[in-house]
Amino acid sequence: SNGCDSVYSAPLPDGVGPESYDASAISMIALNKYAMGLPVYRQAILFGGLGTPIAVATQYELVASAAEKLRPVQPAGQPLLLGVRRTSIRGWERRRGSRDSGARSL
């Protein structure tokens, strides 16, 4: 055999993991969508303009696959995420039943 039917894989460069998308990319998609209110179709346009197109369906799949891993930290992070938008922190206080005037909107 002359090796024509063989498949050879090059080793990954340093700092590159075996996953297609890094955890920081997935967290940025989720943060943009749920904390900043940037719809995924707009993120697809943004990523495409930056030379890294990520389809809308792919973004949803990535965030959904990460959601189960993030479930344990969700209750602790929710007030921080809600505080990003002006009206959300007031809604958080209302849900908690707090009337603390020390909380300020951004």
C-alpha atoms as a PDB file:
ATOM      1  CA  SER A   1       0.000   0.000   0.000  1.00  0.00           C
ATOM      2  CA  ASN A   2       1.272   3.448  -0.891  1.00  0.00           C
ATOM      3  CA  GLY A   3      -0.703   5.270   1.876  1.00  0.00           C
ATOM      4  CA  CYS A   4      -3.227   6.907  -0.457  1.00  0.00           C
ATOM      5  CA  ASP A   5      -6.143   5.492   1.530  1.00  0.00           C
ATOM      6  CA  SER A   6      -4.793   6.627   4.899  1.00  0.00           C
ATOM      7  CA  VAL A   7      -5.962   9.633   6.883  1.00  0.00           C
ATOM      8  CA  TYR A   8      -3.437  11.674   8.821  1.00  0.00           C
ATOM      9  CA  SER A   9      -4.337  14.248  11.459  1.00  0.00           C
ATOM     10  CA  ALA A  10      -2.007  17.069  12.382  1.00  0.00           C
ATOM     11  CA  PRO A  11      -1.693  17.891  16.077  1.00  0.00           C
ATOM     12  CA  LEU A  12      -3.663  20.902  17.294  1.00  0.00           C
ATOM     13  CA  PRO A  13      -1.652  24.086  17.837  1.00  0.00           C
ATOM     14  CA  ASP A  14      -0.981  25.229  21.397  1.00  0.00           C
ATOM     15  CA  GLY A  15      -3.991  26.935  22.977  1.00  0.00           C
ATOM     16  CA  VAL A  16      -6.525  25.351  20.627  1.00  0.00           C
ATOM     17  CA  GLY A  17      -8.979  22.871  22.137  1.00  0.00           C
ATOM     18  CA  PRO A  18     -10.752  20.014  20.404  1.00  0.00           C
ATOM     19  CA  GLU A  19     -14.137  21.810  20.496  1.00  0.00           C
ATOM     20  CA  SER A  20     -15.359  23.777  17.494  1.00  0.00           C
ATOM     21  CA  TYR A  21     -16.321  26.759  19.657  1.00  0.00           C
ATOM     22  CA  ASP A  22     -14.511  27.979  22.752  1.00  0.00           C
ATOM     23  CA  ALA A  23     -16.471  28.438  25.983  1.00  0.00           C
ATOM     24  CA  SER A  24     -15.758  32.182  25.861  1.00  0.00           C
ATOM     25  CA  ALA A  25     -17.479  32.427  22.459  1.00  0.00           C
ATOM     26  CA  ILE A  26     -20.529  30.554  23.732  1.00  0.00           C
ATOM     27  CA  SER A  27     -20.737  32.700  26.861  1.00  0.00           C
ATOM     28  CA  MET A  28     -20.469  35.864  24.743  1.00  0.00           C
ATOM     29  CA  ILE A  29     -23.358  34.744  22.537  1.00  0.00           C
ATOM     30  CA  ALA A  30     -25.489  34.035  25.632  1.00  0.00           C
ATOM     31  CA  LEU A  31     -24.473  37.288  27.332  1.00  0.00           C
ATOM     32  CA  ASN A  32     -25.257  39.324  24.222  1.00  0.00           C
ATOM     33  CA  LYS A  33     -28.637  37.618  23.826  1.00  0.00           C
ATOM     34  CA  TYR A  34     -29.934  37.448  27.382  1.00  0.00           C
ATOM     35  CA  ALA A  35     -28.158  40.280  29.194  1.00  0.00           C
ATOM     36  CA  MET A  36     -27.688  42.838  26.428  1.00  0.00           C
ATOM     37  CA  GLY A  37     -30.832  42.012  24.434  1.00  0.00           C
ATOM     38  CA  LEU A  38     -28.964  41.526  21.139  1.00  0.00           C
ATOM     39  CA  PRO A  39     -30.956  39.044  19.015  1.00  0.00           C
ATOM     40  CA  VAL A  40     -29.023  36.141  17.551  1.00  0.00           C
ATOM     41  CA  TYR A  41     -29.862  37.145  13.988  1.00  0.00           C
ATOM     42  CA  ARG A  42     -28.051  40.433  14.626  1.00  0.00           C
ATOM     43  CA  GLN A  43     -25.160  38.569  16.211  1.00  0.00           C
ATOM     44  CA  ALA A  44     -24.974  36.428  13.059  1.00  0.00           C
ATOM     45  CA  ILE A  45     -24.607  39.614  11.012  1.00  0.00           C
ATOM     46  CA  LEU A  46     -21.986  40.939  13.450  1.00  0.00           C
ATOM     47  CA  PHE A  47     -19.953  37.719  13.423  1.00  0.00           C
ATOM     48  CA  GLY A  48     -20.180  37.544   9.633  1.00  0.00           C
ATOM     49  CA  GLY A  49     -18.874  41.104   9.374  1.00  0.00           C
ATOM     50  CA  LEU A  50     -15.966  40.127  11.612  1.00  0.00           C
ATOM     51  CA  GLY A  51     -15.102  37.250   9.274  1.00  0.00           C
ATOM     52  CA  THR A  52     -16.393  34.472  11.553  1.00  0.00           C
ATOM     53  CA  PRO A  53     -19.923  33.634  10.418  1.00  0.00           C
ATOM     54  CA  ILE A  54     -21.963  31.728  13.010  1.00  0.00           C
ATOM     55  CA  ALA A  55     -25.460  30.819  11.834  1.00  0.00           C
ATOM     56  CA  VAL A  56     -28.487  31.624  13.999  1.00  0.00           C
ATOM     57  CA  ALA A  57     -29.331  27.926  14.438  1.00  0.00           C
ATOM     58  CA  THR A  58     -25.754  27.198  15.510  1.00  0.00           C
ATOM     59  CA  GLN A  59     -25.886  29.968  18.113  1.00  0.00           C
ATOM     60  CA  TYR A  60     -29.076  28.521  19.584  1.00  0.00           C
ATOM     61  CA  GLU A  61     -27.556  25.028  19.677  1.00  0.00           C
ATOM     62  CA  LEU A  62     -24.390  26.275  21.370  1.00  0.00           C
ATOM     63  CA  VAL A  63     -26.265  28.198  24.063  1.00  0.00           C
ATOM     64  CA  ALA A  64     -28.693  25.308  24.631  1.00  0.00           C
ATOM     65  CA  SER A  65     -25.819  22.855  25.055  1.00  0.00           C
ATOM     66  CA  ALA A  66     -24.165  25.167  27.597  1.00  0.00           C
ATOM     67  CA  ALA A  67     -27.392  25.934  29.481  1.00  0.00           C
ATOM     68  CA  GLU A  68     -27.368  22.703  31.466  1.00  0.00           C
ATOM     69  CA  LYS A  69     -23.804  23.350  32.620  1.00  0.00           C
ATOM     70  CA  LEU A  70     -24.735  26.885  33.703  1.00  0.00           C
ATOM     71  CA  ARG A  71     -27.858  25.902  35.649  1.00  0.00           C
ATOM     72  CA  PRO A  72     -26.040  25.712  39.042  1.00  0.00           C
ATOM     73  CA  VAL A  73     -24.737  29.303  38.732  1.00  0.00           C
ATOM     74  CA  GLN A  74     -27.895  30.829  37.231  1.00  0.00           C
ATOM     75  CA  PRO A  75     -29.566  31.920  40.523  1.00  0.00           C
ATOM     76  CA  ALA A  76     -26.420  33.709  41.698  1.00  0.00           C
ATOM     77  CA  GLY A  77     -25.833  35.433  38.357  1.00  0.00           C
ATOM     78  CA  GLN A  78     -29.399  36.498  37.693  1.00  0.00           C
ATOM     79  CA  PRO A  79     -29.305  39.786  39.661  1.00  0.00           C
ATOM     80  CA  LEU A  80     -26.069  40.732  37.900  1.00  0.00           C
ATOM     81  CA  LEU A  81     -27.515  40.008  34.466  1.00  0.00           C
ATOM     82  CA  LEU A  82     -30.743  41.816  35.242  1.00  0.00           C
ATOM     83  CA  GLY A  83     -28.818  44.860  36.433  1.00  0.00           C
ATOM     84  CA  VAL A  84     -27.452  45.416  32.943  1.00  0.00           C
ATOM     85  CA  ARG A  85     -30.677  46.964  31.702  1.00  0.00           C
ATOM     86  CA  ARG A  86     -32.210  49.984  33.377  1.00  0.00           C
ATOM     87  CA  THR A  87     -35.652  48.556  34.199  1.00  0.00           C
ATOM     88  CA  SER A  88     -34.541  45.049  35.018  1.00  0.00           C
ATOM     89  CA  ILE A  89     -33.038  45.770  38.430  1.00  0.00           C
ATOM     90  CA  ARG A  90     -36.319  47.320  39.546  1.00  0.00           C
ATOM     91  CA  GLY A  91     -38.129  44.197  38.358  1.00  0.00           C
ATOM     92  CA  TRP A  92     -35.677  42.024  40.311  1.00  0.00           C
ATOM     93  CA  GLU A  93     -36.351  44.006  43.493  1.00  0.00           C
ATOM     94  CA  ARG A  94     -40.091  43.675  42.956  1.00  0.00           C
ATOM     95  CA  ARG A  95     -39.830  39.914  42.500  1.00  0.00           C
ATOM     96  CA  ARG A  96     -37.765  39.582  45.649  1.00  0.00           C
ATOM     97  CA  GLY A  97     -40.189  41.801  47.580  1.00  0.00           C
ATOM     98  CA  SER A  98     -37.409  44.221  48.477  1.00  0.00           C
ATOM     99  CA  ARG A  99     -38.010  47.912  48.898  1.00  0.00           C
ATOM    100  CA  ASP A 100     -34.350  48.703  49.386  1.00  0.00           C
ATOM    101  CA  SER A 101     -33.753  52.197  48.040  1.00  0.00           C
ATOM    102  CA  GLY A 102     -30.008  51.585  47.994  1.00  0.00           C
ATOM    103  CA  ALA A 103     -30.181  49.737  44.681  1.00  0.00           C
ATOM    104  CA  ARG A 104     -29.620  51.979  41.708  1.00  0.00           C
ATOM    105  CA  SER A 105     -30.464  51.534  38.069  1.00  0.00           C
ATOM    106  CA  LEU A 106     -27.735  51.699  35.494  1.00  0.00           C
END
